C-alpha atoms as a PDB file:
ATOM      1  CA  UNK A   1     -51.478  -4.534  58.392  1.00  0.00           C
ATOM      2  CA  UNK A   2     -49.889  -6.329  55.661  1.00  0.00           C
ATOM      3  CA  UNK A   3     -50.564  -6.493  51.897  1.00  0.00           C
ATOM      4  CA  UNK A   4     -52.433  -9.552  52.237  1.00  0.00           C
ATOM      5  CA  UNK A   5     -55.056  -8.045  54.968  1.00  0.00           C
ATOM      6  CA  UNK A   6     -54.935  -4.990  52.761  1.00  0.00           C
ATOM      7  CA  UNK A   7     -56.046  -6.897  49.888  1.00  0.00           C
ATOM      8  CA  UNK A   8     -58.441  -9.392  52.103  1.00  0.00           C
ATOM      9  CA  UNK A   9     -59.928  -5.822  52.968  1.00  0.00           C
ATOM     10  CA  UNK A  10     -60.280  -4.149  49.900  1.00  0.00           C
ATOM     11  CA  UNK A  11     -61.889  -7.788  48.606  1.00  0.00           C
ATOM     12  CA  UNK A  12     -64.607  -7.595  50.988  1.00  0.00           C
ATOM     13  CA  UNK A  13     -66.031  -4.412  50.103  1.00  0.00           C
ATOM     14  CA  UNK A  14     -66.892  -5.453  47.001  1.00  0.00           C
ATOM     15  CA  UNK A  15     -69.186  -8.326  48.145  1.00  0.00           C
ATOM     16  CA  UNK A  16     -69.405 -11.550  49.265  1.00  0.00           C
ATOM     17  CA  UNK A  17     -70.113 -14.088  47.316  1.00  0.00           C
ATOM     18  CA  UNK A  18     -73.517 -15.924  47.810  1.00  0.00           C
ATOM     19  CA  UNK A  19     -72.919 -19.991  47.330  1.00  0.00           C
ATOM     20  CA  UNK A  20     -72.137 -22.910  49.108  1.00  0.00           C
ATOM     21  CA  UNK A  21     -68.153 -22.414  49.889  1.00  0.00           C
ATOM     22  CA  UNK A  22     -67.913 -18.143  49.966  1.00  0.00           C
ATOM     23  CA  UNK A  23     -64.743 -17.777  51.990  1.00  0.00           C
ATOM     24  CA  UNK A  24     -63.036 -20.248  49.264  1.00  0.00           C
ATOM     25  CA  UNK A  25     -64.120 -18.502  46.731  1.00  0.00           C
ATOM     26  CA  UNK A  26     -62.608 -15.324  48.131  1.00  0.00           C
ATOM     27  CA  UNK A  27     -59.801 -16.855  48.949  1.00  0.00           C
ATOM     28  CA  UNK A  28     -59.187 -18.540  45.299  1.00  0.00           C
ATOM     29  CA  UNK A  29     -59.645 -14.865  44.458  1.00  0.00           C
ATOM     30  CA  UNK A  30     -57.167 -13.490  46.336  1.00  0.00           C
ATOM     31  CA  UNK A  31     -54.475 -16.457  45.375  1.00  0.00           C
ATOM     32  CA  UNK A  32     -54.281 -17.746  49.419  1.00  0.00           C
ATOM     33  CA  UNK A  33     -55.881 -20.287  51.275  1.00  0.00           C
ATOM     34  CA  UNK A  34     -59.046 -20.341  52.631  1.00  0.00           C
ATOM     35  CA  UNK A  35     -58.046 -21.536  56.153  1.00  0.00           C
ATOM     36  CA  UNK A  36     -55.654 -18.373  55.828  1.00  0.00           C
ATOM     37  CA  UNK A  37     -58.380 -15.963  55.340  1.00  0.00           C
ATOM     38  CA  UNK A  38     -60.562 -17.284  57.868  1.00  0.00           C
ATOM     39  CA  UNK A  39     -57.597 -16.893  60.071  1.00  0.00           C
ATOM     40  CA  UNK A  40     -56.350 -13.181  58.798  1.00  0.00           C
ATOM     41  CA  UNK A  41     -60.592 -11.993  59.301  1.00  0.00           C
ATOM     42  CA  UNK A  42     -60.413 -13.105  62.288  1.00  0.00           C
ATOM     43  CA  UNK A  43     -57.246 -11.747  63.718  1.00  0.00           C
ATOM     44  CA  UNK A  44     -58.343  -8.436  62.245  1.00  0.00           C
ATOM     45  CA  UNK A  45     -61.206  -8.067  64.273  1.00  0.00           C
ATOM     46  CA  UNK A  46     -59.278  -9.727  67.565  1.00  0.00           C
ATOM     47  CA  UNK A  47     -57.108  -6.739  66.596  1.00  0.00           C
ATOM     48  CA  UNK A  48     -59.495  -4.298  66.175  1.00  0.00           C
ATOM     49  CA  UNK A  49     -59.154  -3.179  63.033  1.00  0.00           C
ATOM     50  CA  UNK A  50     -62.389  -4.613  61.934  1.00  0.00           C
ATOM     51  CA  UNK A  51     -65.051  -3.687  64.118  1.00  0.00           C
ATOM     52  CA  UNK A  52     -67.428  -6.382  62.362  1.00  0.00           C
ATOM     53  CA  UNK A  53     -67.643  -8.973  59.936  1.00  0.00           C
ATOM     54  CA  UNK A  54     -71.063  -9.380  58.819  1.00  0.00           C
ATOM     55  CA  UNK A  55     -73.815  -8.096  56.013  1.00  0.00           C
ATOM     56  CA  UNK A  56     -75.080  -4.251  56.193  1.00  0.00           C
ATOM     57  CA  UNK A  57     -78.937  -4.443  55.764  1.00  0.00           C
ATOM     58  CA  UNK A  58     -80.682  -2.263  54.607  1.00  0.00           C
ATOM     59  CA  UNK A  59     -83.837  -2.028  57.222  1.00  0.00           C
ATOM     60  CA  UNK A  60     -85.676   0.542  55.590  1.00  0.00           C
ATOM     61  CA  UNK A  61     -86.202  -1.284  52.422  1.00  0.00           C
ATOM     62  CA  UNK A  62     -87.685  -4.371  54.688  1.00  0.00           C
ATOM     63  CA  UNK A  63     -90.109  -2.106  55.874  1.00  0.00           C
ATOM     64  CA  UNK A  64     -88.269  -1.273  59.387  1.00  0.00           C
ATOM     65  CA  UNK A  65     -86.742   1.723  60.906  1.00  0.00           C
ATOM     66  CA  UNK A  66     -83.635   2.695  62.349  1.00  0.00           C
ATOM     67  CA  UNK A  67     -81.907   6.143  63.943  1.00  0.00           C
ATOM     68  CA  UNK A  68     -78.825   6.941  65.759  1.00  0.00           C
ATOM     69  CA  UNK A  69     -79.745   8.441  69.321  1.00  0.00           C
ATOM     70  CA  UNK A  70     -77.400  10.641  71.558  1.00  0.00           C
ATOM     71  CA  UNK A  71     -77.722  11.425  74.844  1.00  0.00           C
ATOM     72  CA  UNK A  72     -76.539  13.359  77.711  1.00  0.00           C
ATOM     73  CA  UNK A  73     -75.491  11.367  81.058  1.00  0.00           C
ATOM     74  CA  UNK A  74     -73.503  12.386  83.818  1.00  0.00           C
ATOM     75  CA  UNK A  75     -70.244  10.692  84.048  1.00  0.00           C
ATOM     76  CA  UNK A  76     -70.993   8.745  87.539  1.00  0.00           C
ATOM     77  CA  UNK A  77     -74.201   7.344  85.821  1.00  0.00           C
ATOM     78  CA  UNK A  78     -73.075   6.248  82.431  1.00  0.00           C
ATOM     79  CA  UNK A  79     -72.430   2.530  83.957  1.00  0.00           C
ATOM     80  CA  UNK A  80     -76.226   2.396  84.949  1.00  0.00           C
ATOM     81  CA  UNK A  81     -78.067   3.993  82.050  1.00  0.00           C
ATOM     82  CA  UNK A  82     -75.868   1.979  79.311  1.00  0.00           C
ATOM     83  CA  UNK A  83     -76.794  -1.122  81.299  1.00  0.00           C
ATOM     84  CA  UNK A  84     -80.613   0.175  80.963  1.00  0.00           C
ATOM     85  CA  UNK A  85     -79.679   0.619  77.118  1.00  0.00           C
ATOM     86  CA  UNK A  86     -77.889  -2.446  76.711  1.00  0.00           C
ATOM     87  CA  UNK A  87     -81.346  -4.440  77.786  1.00  0.00           C
ATOM     88  CA  UNK A  88     -83.508  -3.063  74.917  1.00  0.00           C
ATOM     89  CA  UNK A  89     -83.108  -5.559  71.917  1.00  0.00           C
ATOM     90  CA  UNK A  90     -83.797  -3.159  69.539  1.00  0.00           C
ATOM     91  CA  UNK A  91     -80.294  -1.149  70.483  1.00  0.00           C
ATOM     92  CA  UNK A  92     -77.799  -2.184  67.627  1.00  0.00           C
ATOM     93  CA  UNK A  93     -74.812  -0.657  69.644  1.00  0.00           C
ATOM     94  CA  UNK A  94     -73.664   2.000  71.160  1.00  0.00           C
ATOM     95  CA  UNK A  95     -70.626   4.318  72.415  1.00  0.00           C
ATOM     96  CA  UNK A  96     -69.197   6.400  74.620  1.00  0.00           C
ATOM     97  CA  UNK A  97     -67.860   9.596  72.954  1.00  0.00           C
ATOM     98  CA  UNK A  98     -65.919  12.555  74.743  1.00  0.00           C
ATOM     99  CA  UNK A  99     -68.470  15.162  74.080  1.00  0.00           C
ATOM    100  CA  UNK A 100     -71.429  17.112  75.344  1.00  0.00           C
ATOM    101  CA  UNK A 101     -73.287  14.159  74.073  1.00  0.00           C
ATOM    102  CA  UNK A 102     -71.401  11.389  75.521  1.00  0.00           C
ATOM    103  CA  UNK A 103     -73.379   8.474  75.096  1.00  0.00           C
ATOM    104  CA  UNK A 104     -74.755   7.133  71.355  1.00  0.00           C
ATOM    105  CA  UNK A 105     -76.715   4.421  70.208  1.00  0.00           C
ATOM    106  CA  UNK A 106     -78.148   3.200  66.969  1.00  0.00           C
ATOM    107  CA  UNK A 107     -81.899   1.913  67.434  1.00  0.00           C
ATOM    108  CA  UNK A 108     -83.176  -0.822  64.789  1.00  0.00           C
ATOM    109  CA  UNK A 109     -86.734  -1.023  64.698  1.00  0.00           C
ATOM    110  CA  UNK A 110     -89.004  -3.917  62.775  1.00  0.00           C
ATOM    111  CA  UNK A 111     -92.020  -1.178  61.992  1.00  0.00           C
ATOM    112  CA  UNK A 112     -90.934   2.616  61.610  1.00  0.00           C
ATOM    113  CA  UNK A 113     -94.174   2.813  64.170  1.00  0.00           C
ATOM    114  CA  UNK A 114     -92.143   1.542  67.270  1.00  0.00           C
ATOM    115  CA  UNK A 115     -89.051   4.398  67.286  1.00  0.00           C
ATOM    116  CA  UNK A 116     -91.358   6.788  69.234  1.00  0.00           C
ATOM    117  CA  UNK A 117     -92.259   4.582  71.925  1.00  0.00           C
ATOM    118  CA  UNK A 118     -88.675   3.077  72.510  1.00  0.00           C
ATOM    119  CA  UNK A 119     -87.329   6.595  72.358  1.00  0.00           C
ATOM    120  CA  UNK A 120     -89.829   7.631  75.337  1.00  0.00           C
ATOM    121  CA  UNK A 121     -89.183   3.984  76.986  1.00  0.00           C
ATOM    122  CA  UNK A 122     -85.777   4.930  77.028  1.00  0.00           C
ATOM    123  CA  UNK A 123     -86.115   8.293  78.540  1.00  0.00           C
ATOM    124  CA  UNK A 124     -88.496   7.317  80.965  1.00  0.00           C
ATOM    125  CA  UNK A 125     -85.973   4.161  82.266  1.00  0.00           C
ATOM    126  CA  UNK A 126     -82.763   6.304  82.096  1.00  0.00           C
ATOM    127  CA  UNK A 127     -84.343   9.645  83.419  1.00  0.00           C
ATOM    128  CA  UNK A 128     -82.349  11.565  80.608  1.00  0.00           C
ATOM    129  CA  UNK A 129     -83.457  13.007  77.583  1.00  0.00           C
ATOM    130  CA  UNK A 130     -83.139  11.105  74.200  1.00  0.00           C
ATOM    131  CA  UNK A 131     -82.114  13.054  71.100  1.00  0.00           C
ATOM    132  CA  UNK A 132     -83.123  11.535  67.843  1.00  0.00           C
ATOM    133  CA  UNK A 133     -80.587  11.797  64.813  1.00  0.00           C
ATOM    134  CA  UNK A 134     -82.498  10.150  62.108  1.00  0.00           C
ATOM    135  CA  UNK A 135     -80.620   9.583  58.778  1.00  0.00           C
ATOM    136  CA  UNK A 136     -81.436  12.465  56.132  1.00  0.00           C
ATOM    137  CA  UNK A 137     -78.902  11.451  53.620  1.00  0.00           C
ATOM    138  CA  UNK A 138     -77.477   8.404  52.893  1.00  0.00           C
ATOM    139  CA  UNK A 139     -73.470   8.159  52.200  1.00  0.00           C
ATOM    140  CA  UNK A 140     -71.351   5.403  51.482  1.00  0.00           C
ATOM    141  CA  UNK A 141     -67.461   5.582  51.796  1.00  0.00           C
ATOM    142  CA  UNK A 142     -65.404   2.571  50.640  1.00  0.00           C
ATOM    143  CA  UNK A 143     -61.894   2.206  52.126  1.00  0.00           C
ATOM    144  CA  UNK A 144     -59.634   0.790  49.967  1.00  0.00           C
ATOM    145  CA  UNK A 145     -55.804   0.304  50.587  1.00  0.00           C
ATOM    146  CA  UNK A 146     -52.843   0.263  48.406  1.00  0.00           C
ATOM    147  CA  UNK A 147     -51.634  -3.650  48.675  1.00  0.00           C
END
């Protein structure tokens, strides 16, 4: 990452303008060309520096619910189990960890009532217990770089 990438990341964490041409506005604030801004964001995503680019919604304020789920899955069954998990539209993302609990995923539901049904359905479909780890307290940690 160079100073331009760092400046883009720093600037974008503070909010994204809601206007007809938000990328043009951010580019102007950064003193760069809009095409350069968009290509840099694309490059940061392609290189894995950024894992995603998009809004973060407070699902709970909109009446929904989300939770982190962990599972213990034998290594030789991970592909089958993640295939099942990925078929649920409520799964926001999942990942594998080198840990006793090796499969983790986030469920995002339209209503809190759906959670227990989904957890039970995933456990039944995979044949493994699911461990619900709901958010107790939320923290926001901003990452800022020296440009």
